[in-house]
Amino acid sequence: MSHPVRPAPRASWLSLAIASALASPFGVQAAAPDPVDFEAVVVTASPVSPLTYETDPKLPRQPVPASDGADYLKTIPGFSAVRNGGTNGDPVLRGMFGSRLNLLTNDGSMPGACPARMDNPMSYVSPETYDRLVVIKGPQTVRWGPGASAGTVRFERRTPRFDTPGIDLTGSLLGGSFGRNDQVLDATAGMPVGYARLSANRSESDDYRDGSGDVVPSSWKKWNTDLALGWTPDADTLLEFNAGVGDGSARYAGRGMDGAQFKRQSYSLRFEKSNLPGSLERVEASVFANYADHVMDNYTLRTPNPMSSMPMPMVAQVDRRTLGGRNAWTWATGGLELTAGIDGQQSRHRERGGMGRNAHLAMPWVTDANFQNAGLFAEATWTLSAARRLVSGARADRAEVTDKRTVADDG
C-alpha cells in the first residue's frame, strides 16, 4: 500500500537550508574573533585550593545585592538554600545544613534563637559590610570549632592599616522593582597607631506578585550597624574591639507566623601578634558575646486567618545569648607549619509567648536549654613543593546540653 509523499513543513526546509549553508565550503564565513586577554577577567569567587573558596562580598553580583548570608552563598558552587520567603534562607552545602555547617562572623558564632531556624545565623549577616568570605567545603579543617561535617563559612572584616592619617569611605545605593532599596555605608578613619570603622546598612523589599498577579508574602526590612576600634602600634600587632546592633522583620508565605523582630547585639575583642622571634610565628586570641532576640507572631505583618490553625492572634518570643572564645598559636619551621589551640562557647536559650496581641510582654522568661562546648585542636601543614602539600589535623571536644523544660515537647 502506497502512501502519498507530503511536503516538508516550511520550518524544516529553512532549517535544512541554514545547515547546508553552514556546512558548505562556499558559505560565508564569520570573521575570526579578536583575541581575548584572560588576565583581565575578574573572577568573583576563586578556589584557593580544591576545597576552599575565597571572595570579596562587596563585589557586584546578580541579580541584586544579597539580603543575607544565605542569599550570597547560593552564588558559590555546591550551595543551595531552604527558602523562608524573600530573605532569611537557610544555607545548604552538598545537601547538608544546620549543625553540620559551621557559620561564623568575625570568627564568632551567632546562632539564632528560633528552634525552626527562622532566624538562622546567616539571617544576621549583611554580606556587603564584610571584606572577605572564606568557604571550606567538607571537614577539611579543625581550627574553627566542632562539627562542620558539611563545611565552614567565615565572613570576615580585614584590618585597615594607615601609614598616614586618612579616611576611607565607600557607600552604595540600590533601587529596584517591588520596592527594593538598599543603602550601605562603610567609613574608616585612622592613623598609624589605630583606626575607627563604622559599617552600616539598610535593606527593604515589598511583597512580589506571581504570574497571575497575586501577592506572595515575601517583604522584609533590615538594618545593621557595627563599630570597630583598633589599636595597631606596629605592623605585626592588633588589638580590636567590635560592637554591633541590628533588627528587622520578614513576611513568610509558607509559615504560620512571620518574623516580627530580629534584634541582635554583638561584642568581640581580639588580639593578634605576628612575626614573633624563633619558630613561633603567630598568636591569636579572641572572645565574643552575641545575643539574638527574635519575635514571631501572626498579627504584626498579617491579619490572623479565622479559617487557619491559628485563628486568634498568637506570639512567641525566643532569645539566645552565646559567649565564647578562641586561642591559637602557630609555629613554622622549614616547610612545616603547626597551628594548635583551644576554643569554647556556651549558650543560654529562653522563651515566652501567649495568645493575644503582645501577650508575651506580660509573661516571664523561661530558660529551656543550656549548651556548652570546649575543644582542643591541632592542624599541621607540610609543604612539599609549590603544587604539593600534606595536611593533617586532630580535634577533641566535650559538649554538654541541659534540657531545662519541665515538660518536653512531643516533637
Protein backbone atom coordinates (compact mmCIF):
# COMPACT_ATOMS: atom_id res chain seq x y z
CA MET A 1 0.00 0.00 0.00
CA SER A 2 1.48 3.31 -1.04
CA HIS A 3 1.36 6.50 0.97
CA PRO A 4 1.32 9.98 -0.53
CA VAL A 5 4.50 11.95 -0.09
CA ARG A 6 3.79 15.06 1.93
CA PRO A 7 5.92 18.18 1.53
CA ALA A 8 8.10 19.03 4.48
CA PRO A 9 6.97 21.97 6.61
CA ARG A 10 8.45 25.33 5.74
CA ALA A 11 10.36 25.45 9.04
CA SER A 12 12.09 22.15 8.16
CA TRP A 13 13.17 23.46 4.72
CA LEU A 14 14.50 26.62 6.38
CA SER A 15 16.49 24.61 8.95
CA LEU A 16 17.92 22.41 6.16
CA ALA A 17 18.95 25.44 4.14
CA ILE A 18 20.74 27.03 7.09
CA ALA A 19 22.53 23.79 7.94
CA SER A 20 23.64 23.38 4.31
CA ALA A 21 24.97 26.93 4.16
CA LEU A 22 26.97 26.42 7.33
CA ALA A 23 28.38 23.12 6.09
CA SER A 24 29.18 24.34 2.57
CA PRO A 25 32.77 25.40 1.91
CA PHE A 26 31.35 28.21 -0.24
CA GLY A 27 29.22 29.63 2.61
CA VAL A 28 30.05 32.98 4.09
CA GLN A 29 32.42 32.50 6.99
CA ALA A 30 32.39 34.74 10.03
CA ALA A 31 35.47 36.79 10.75
CA ALA A 32 37.83 35.40 13.36
CA PRO A 33 37.07 36.87 16.81
CA ASP A 34 39.51 39.26 18.38
CA PRO A 35 41.93 37.68 20.86
CA VAL A 36 40.81 37.80 24.49
CA ASP A 37 43.15 38.68 27.34
CA PHE A 38 42.02 36.30 30.08
CA GLU A 39 44.27 38.00 32.62
CA ALA A 40 41.81 40.90 32.66
CA VAL A 41 38.81 38.71 33.50
CA VAL A 42 37.56 39.24 37.06
CA VAL A 43 36.57 36.06 38.91
CA THR A 44 34.31 36.85 41.86
CA ALA A 45 34.81 33.55 43.70
CA SER A 46 38.01 31.65 43.12
CA PRO A 47 39.26 28.41 44.68
CA VAL A 48 42.28 28.92 46.91
CA SER A 49 42.57 25.14 46.99
CA PRO A 50 40.34 22.36 45.62
CA LEU A 51 38.08 22.64 48.69
CA THR A 52 38.48 26.28 49.73
CA TYR A 53 36.81 29.27 48.08
CA GLU A 54 37.55 32.90 48.86
CA THR A 55 35.82 36.03 47.57
CA ASP A 56 35.05 39.66 48.36
CA PRO A 57 31.35 40.04 49.29
CA LYS A 58 31.48 43.69 48.20
CA LEU A 59 31.95 42.71 44.55
CA PRO A 60 28.85 43.20 42.34
CA ARG A 61 26.70 40.14 41.84
CA GLN A 62 23.50 39.29 40.03
CA PRO A 63 20.61 39.77 40.17
CA VAL A 64 20.91 42.27 43.06
CA PRO A 65 23.00 42.54 46.25
CA ALA A 66 22.30 39.72 48.68
CA SER A 67 19.90 40.47 51.53
CA ASP A 68 21.56 37.94 53.85
CA GLY A 69 24.40 35.44 54.07
CA ALA A 70 22.49 32.52 52.56
CA ASP A 71 21.47 34.62 49.56
CA TYR A 72 25.14 35.28 48.83
CA LEU A 73 26.30 31.71 49.43
CA LYS A 74 23.91 30.50 46.71
CA THR A 75 26.30 32.02 44.15
CA ILE A 76 29.07 29.60 45.17
CA PRO A 77 29.04 26.13 43.53
CA GLY A 78 27.77 23.44 45.88
CA PHE A 79 25.42 25.71 47.85
CA SER A 80 21.66 25.96 47.79
CA ALA A 81 19.17 27.30 50.33
CA VAL A 82 15.97 26.32 52.12
CA ARG A 83 13.84 29.34 51.29
CA ASN A 84 11.82 31.03 54.02
CA GLY A 85 10.50 33.75 51.74
CA GLY A 86 12.18 36.80 50.30
CA THR A 87 15.02 36.63 52.83
CA ASN A 88 16.47 34.62 55.75
CA GLY A 89 17.04 31.44 53.78
CA ASP A 90 18.90 28.56 55.43
CA PRO A 91 22.14 27.66 53.58
CA VAL A 92 22.67 24.08 52.40
CA LEU A 93 26.07 22.76 51.30
CA ARG A 94 26.10 19.49 49.38
CA GLY A 95 22.75 18.53 50.87
CA MET A 96 23.73 19.23 54.49
CA PHE A 97 22.77 22.18 56.70
CA GLY A 98 22.04 23.09 60.30
CA SER A 99 24.65 21.98 62.84
CA ARG A 100 26.66 20.30 60.07
CA LEU A 101 27.56 23.71 58.62
CA ASN A 102 29.76 25.92 60.79
CA LEU A 103 28.70 29.57 60.19
CA LEU A 104 30.97 32.27 61.63
CA THR A 105 31.14 36.08 61.53
CA ASN A 106 34.43 37.67 62.57
CA ASP A 107 35.34 34.18 63.83
CA GLY A 108 32.48 34.26 66.35
CA SER A 109 29.33 32.14 66.46
CA MET A 110 25.93 33.84 66.19
CA PRO A 111 23.34 31.05 66.48
CA GLY A 112 19.75 32.11 66.11
CA ALA A 113 17.06 31.54 68.71
CA CYS A 114 14.18 30.01 66.70
CA PRO A 115 14.01 26.18 67.02
CA ALA A 116 12.68 26.06 63.44
CA ARG A 117 15.64 28.16 62.19
CA MET A 118 13.52 31.10 61.13
CA ASP A 119 16.50 33.21 62.24
CA ASN A 120 19.48 31.02 61.34
CA PRO A 121 22.96 32.60 61.76
CA MET A 122 23.05 33.95 58.18
CA SER A 123 19.87 35.96 58.87
CA TYR A 124 22.00 38.39 60.88
CA VAL A 125 24.66 38.85 58.17
CA SER A 126 24.75 41.69 55.63
CA PRO A 127 27.39 40.47 53.13
CA GLU A 128 28.24 43.92 51.72
CA THR A 129 29.52 45.08 55.11
CA TYR A 130 32.21 42.36 55.13
CA ASP A 131 35.50 42.27 53.22
CA ARG A 132 36.20 38.57 52.88
CA LEU A 133 34.21 35.36 52.60
CA VAL A 134 36.03 32.06 53.04
CA VAL A 135 34.26 28.74 52.41
CA ILE A 136 35.91 25.46 53.34
CA LYS A 137 33.95 22.56 51.88
CA GLY A 138 33.82 19.42 53.98
CA PRO A 139 35.56 18.59 57.29
CA GLN A 140 38.92 19.72 55.93
CA THR A 141 39.93 21.82 58.93
CA VAL A 142 39.72 21.51 62.71
CA ARG A 143 40.62 25.13 63.51
CA TRP A 144 37.19 26.76 63.65
CA GLY A 145 35.04 24.77 66.01
CA PRO A 146 33.29 21.42 66.33
CA GLY A 147 31.06 19.69 63.82
CA ALA A 148 31.44 21.20 60.35
CA SER A 149 30.99 17.89 58.54
CA ALA A 150 29.42 19.87 55.67
CA GLY A 151 31.87 22.76 55.79
CA THR A 152 32.89 26.05 57.39
CA VAL A 153 31.78 29.54 56.32
CA ARG A 154 33.61 32.63 57.60
CA PHE A 155 32.53 36.22 56.95
CA GLU A 156 35.43 38.49 57.93
CA ARG A 157 36.41 42.15 58.04
CA ARG A 158 40.02 42.98 57.20
CA THR A 159 42.28 45.02 59.46
CA PRO A 160 42.77 48.51 57.99
CA ARG A 161 46.33 49.86 58.11
CA PHE A 162 47.22 53.54 57.75
CA ASP A 163 50.75 54.85 57.06
CA THR A 164 49.49 58.42 57.44
CA PRO A 165 46.25 59.87 58.90
CA GLY A 166 43.39 59.41 56.46
CA ILE A 167 39.80 58.42 55.79
CA ASP A 168 38.41 55.63 53.60
CA LEU A 169 34.78 55.99 52.62
CA THR A 170 32.64 53.69 50.49
CA GLY A 171 28.89 53.50 50.01
CA SER A 172 26.19 52.34 47.68
CA LEU A 173 22.52 52.94 46.91
CA LEU A 174 20.17 50.50 45.20
CA GLY A 175 16.62 50.84 43.91
CA GLY A 176 14.59 48.14 42.21
CA SER A 177 11.15 46.76 41.48
CA PHE A 178 8.74 45.68 44.22
CA GLY A 179 10.04 48.42 46.48
CA ARG A 180 13.58 47.01 46.77
CA ASN A 181 16.00 49.60 48.12
CA ASP A 182 19.37 49.22 49.86
CA GLN A 183 21.77 51.68 51.46
CA VAL A 184 25.31 50.74 52.55
CA LEU A 185 27.96 52.88 54.25
CA ASP A 186 31.49 51.83 55.24
CA ALA A 187 33.66 54.58 56.73
CA THR A 188 37.13 54.18 58.29
CA ALA A 189 39.27 56.88 59.86
CA GLY A 190 42.74 56.02 61.04
CA MET A 191 46.39 56.74 61.60
CA PRO A 192 49.45 54.51 62.08
CA VAL A 193 48.58 53.71 65.71
CA GLY A 194 44.89 52.91 65.30
CA TYR A 195 41.59 53.27 63.50
CA ALA A 196 37.82 53.52 63.87
CA ARG A 197 35.50 51.83 61.38
CA LEU A 198 31.74 52.21 61.02
CA SER A 199 29.80 49.74 58.86
CA ALA A 200 26.06 50.23 58.38
CA ASN A 201 23.37 49.05 56.01
CA ARG A 202 19.62 49.09 55.49
CA SER A 203 17.69 46.79 53.13
CA GLU A 204 14.00 46.69 52.29
CA SER A 205 11.70 44.97 49.81
CA ASP A 206 7.93 44.68 49.35
CA ASP A 207 5.90 41.58 48.55
CA TYR A 208 6.17 40.42 44.95
CA ARG A 209 3.38 39.31 42.61
CA ASP A 210 3.35 35.97 40.85
CA GLY A 211 2.50 35.35 37.20
CA SER A 212 -1.22 35.57 37.94
CA GLY A 213 -0.82 38.92 39.68
CA ASP A 214 -1.43 37.51 43.16
CA VAL A 215 0.54 38.94 46.07
CA VAL A 216 3.03 36.50 47.61
CA PRO A 217 4.09 37.39 51.20
CA SER A 218 7.83 37.97 50.95
CA SER A 219 8.60 41.51 52.17
CA TRP A 220 11.38 42.37 54.61
CA LYS A 221 13.11 45.26 56.34
CA LYS A 222 16.58 45.00 57.86
CA TRP A 223 19.30 47.23 59.27
CA ASN A 224 22.71 46.66 60.87
CA THR A 225 25.34 48.91 62.42
CA ASP A 226 28.81 47.82 63.55
CA LEU A 227 31.67 49.81 65.07
CA ALA A 228 35.29 48.64 65.29
CA LEU A 229 38.03 50.37 67.28
CA GLY A 230 41.55 49.12 66.62
CA TRP A 231 44.99 49.68 68.09
CA THR A 232 47.92 48.98 65.74
CA PRO A 233 51.17 50.11 67.41
CA ASP A 234 53.19 48.32 64.71
CA ALA A 235 52.66 46.30 61.55
CA ASP A 236 52.56 42.99 63.47
CA THR A 237 50.22 43.85 66.37
CA LEU A 238 46.44 44.28 66.54
CA LEU A 239 44.01 44.82 69.39
CA GLU A 240 40.44 45.38 68.20
CA PHE A 241 37.08 45.88 69.90
CA ASN A 242 33.83 45.38 67.95
CA ALA A 243 30.25 46.27 68.85
CA GLY A 244 27.19 45.83 66.67
CA VAL A 245 23.39 46.02 66.74
CA GLY A 246 20.64 45.25 64.24
CA ASP A 247 16.97 44.47 63.77
CA GLY A 248 14.46 43.56 61.09
CA SER A 249 11.21 41.90 60.12
CA ALA A 250 10.11 39.49 57.40
CA ARG A 251 6.84 38.12 55.98
CA TYR A 252 6.64 34.42 55.12
CA ALA A 253 4.23 32.72 52.74
CA GLY A 254 4.98 29.18 53.93
CA ARG A 255 4.80 29.61 57.72
CA GLY A 256 2.02 30.16 60.21
CA MET A 257 3.89 33.12 61.72
CA ASP A 258 6.08 35.93 60.44
CA GLY A 259 9.33 37.23 61.86
CA ALA A 260 8.31 40.45 63.60
CA GLN A 261 11.69 41.07 65.24
CA PHE A 262 15.30 40.03 64.56
CA LYS A 263 17.24 42.00 67.15
CA ARG A 264 20.90 41.27 67.65
CA GLN A 265 23.71 42.57 69.82
CA SER A 266 27.30 41.58 69.15
CA TYR A 267 30.50 42.32 71.05
CA SER A 268 34.00 40.96 70.49
CA LEU A 269 37.61 41.60 71.43
CA ARG A 270 40.57 40.10 69.57
CA PHE A 271 44.36 40.25 69.78
CA GLU A 272 46.84 39.20 67.10
CA LYS A 273 50.64 39.20 67.11
CA SER A 274 52.73 38.06 64.13
CA ASN A 275 56.39 37.62 63.17
CA LEU A 276 57.49 36.59 66.63
CA PRO A 277 61.11 35.55 67.22
CA GLY A 278 62.03 31.91 66.84
CA SER A 279 59.70 29.31 65.38
CA LEU A 280 56.57 30.80 66.97
CA GLU A 281 55.03 32.65 64.01
CA ARG A 282 51.68 33.93 65.25
CA VAL A 283 49.45 34.22 68.33
CA GLU A 284 45.68 34.83 68.16
CA ALA A 285 43.18 35.34 70.99
CA SER A 286 39.54 36.39 70.81
CA VAL A 287 36.37 36.49 72.91
CA PHE A 288 32.82 37.29 71.85
CA ALA A 289 29.32 37.80 73.24
CA ASN A 290 26.36 37.56 70.85
CA TYR A 291 22.67 37.97 71.64
CA ALA A 292 19.67 37.21 69.41
CA ASP A 293 16.14 38.34 70.38
CA HIS A 294 13.53 37.00 67.97
CA VAL A 295 9.75 37.54 67.94
CA MET A 296 7.29 35.52 65.84
CA ASP A 297 3.60 36.36 65.53
CA ASN A 298 0.65 36.20 63.17
CA TYR A 299 -0.68 39.75 63.54
CA THR A 300 2.10 42.34 63.06
CA LEU A 301 2.69 41.70 59.35
CA ARG A 302 -0.55 39.88 58.52
CA THR A 303 -4.16 39.53 59.66
CA PRO A 304 -4.96 36.28 61.51
CA ASN A 305 -6.94 33.92 59.30
CA PRO A 306 -10.03 32.64 61.18
CA MET A 307 -10.04 29.54 58.95
CA SER A 308 -6.44 28.58 59.75
CA SER A 309 -4.93 26.58 62.59
CA MET A 310 -4.11 29.93 64.28
CA PRO A 311 -7.41 31.85 64.09
CA MET A 312 -6.52 34.13 67.02
CA PRO A 313 -3.53 36.45 67.44
CA MET A 314 -0.57 34.46 68.78
CA VAL A 315 3.01 35.41 69.61
CA ALA A 316 6.23 33.66 70.63
CA GLN A 317 9.47 35.30 71.71
CA VAL A 318 12.77 33.42 71.94
CA ASP A 319 16.26 34.66 72.72
CA ARG A 320 19.74 33.17 72.84
CA ARG A 321 22.89 34.52 74.46
CA THR A 322 26.17 32.98 73.30
CA LEU A 323 29.56 33.58 74.91
CA GLY A 324 32.77 32.12 73.53
CA GLY A 325 36.44 32.48 72.81
CA ARG A 326 39.42 31.07 70.97
CA ASN A 327 43.20 30.99 71.43
CA ALA A 328 45.61 29.69 68.78
CA TRP A 329 49.37 29.52 68.32
CA THR A 330 51.14 28.93 65.01
CA TRP A 331 54.69 27.58 64.67
CA ALA A 332 56.58 27.49 61.38
CA THR A 333 59.91 25.90 60.57
CA GLY A 334 61.16 24.90 57.15
CA GLY A 335 58.20 23.61 55.18
CA LEU A 336 56.19 22.62 58.25
CA GLU A 337 53.50 24.78 59.88
CA LEU A 338 51.60 23.77 63.01
CA THR A 339 48.58 25.55 64.48
CA ALA A 340 47.27 24.45 67.87
CA GLY A 341 44.85 25.95 70.34
CA ILE A 342 41.70 25.83 72.41
CA ASP A 343 38.19 27.16 71.90
CA GLY A 344 34.82 27.02 73.62
CA GLN A 345 31.41 28.56 73.90
CA GLN A 346 28.25 28.41 75.98
CA SER A 347 24.67 29.40 75.15
CA ARG A 348 21.52 30.03 77.15
CA HIS A 349 18.13 29.76 75.42
CA ARG A 350 14.87 31.24 76.73
CA GLU A 351 11.28 31.57 75.54
CA ARG A 352 7.94 33.15 76.37
CA GLY A 353 4.69 33.71 74.49
CA GLY A 354 0.93 33.57 74.58
CA MET A 355 -2.39 34.15 72.84
CA GLY A 356 -3.34 37.75 72.12
CA ARG A 357 -1.54 40.80 70.80
CA ASN A 358 1.71 41.44 72.70
CA ALA A 359 0.73 38.73 75.20
CA HIS A 360 4.40 37.78 75.59
CA LEU A 361 5.25 41.06 77.29
CA ALA A 362 3.27 40.06 80.38
CA MET A 363 4.81 36.59 80.56
CA PRO A 364 8.02 35.68 82.43
CA TRP A 365 11.06 34.40 80.59
CA VAL A 366 11.64 30.64 80.93
CA THR A 367 15.09 29.17 80.34
CA ASP A 368 14.59 25.92 78.45
CA ALA A 369 18.12 24.89 77.42
CA ASN A 370 21.81 25.44 78.13
CA PHE A 371 24.63 24.46 75.74
CA GLN A 372 28.35 24.15 76.44
CA ASN A 373 31.32 23.08 74.34
CA ALA A 374 35.09 23.06 74.92
CA GLY A 375 37.65 21.86 72.42
CA LEU A 376 41.36 21.28 71.73
CA PHE A 377 42.73 21.26 68.19
CA ALA A 378 45.97 20.91 66.24
CA GLU A 379 46.50 21.13 62.50
CA ALA A 380 49.78 20.65 60.61
CA THR A 381 50.61 21.58 57.01
CA TRP A 382 53.72 20.20 55.34
CA THR A 383 54.55 21.97 52.07
CA LEU A 384 56.42 19.58 49.76
CA SER A 385 56.50 21.87 46.73
CA ALA A 386 54.56 24.74 45.18
CA ALA A 387 51.91 22.26 43.99
CA ARG A 388 52.06 19.60 46.71
CA ARG A 389 51.33 19.64 50.43
CA LEU A 390 50.15 17.34 53.19
CA VAL A 391 47.58 18.49 55.76
CA SER A 392 46.55 16.60 58.88
CA GLY A 393 44.61 17.59 61.97
CA ALA A 394 43.05 16.33 65.15
CA ARG A 395 40.36 17.72 67.41
CA ALA A 396 38.82 16.70 70.74
CA ASP A 397 35.60 18.26 72.06
CA ARG A 398 33.46 17.93 75.14
CA ALA A 399 29.85 19.00 74.60
CA GLU A 400 27.04 19.21 77.15
CA VAL A 401 23.38 20.15 76.69
CA THR A 402 20.90 20.59 79.54
CA ASP A 403 17.18 20.38 78.80
CA LYS A 404 15.54 22.59 81.41
CA ARG A 405 11.95 22.16 80.23
CA THR A 406 9.60 20.70 82.83
CA VAL A 407 7.56 19.03 80.06
CA ALA A 408 9.31 18.12 76.81
CA ASP A 409 7.58 18.84 73.51
CA ASP A 410 6.30 15.83 71.58
CA GLY A 411 8.40 16.85 68.56
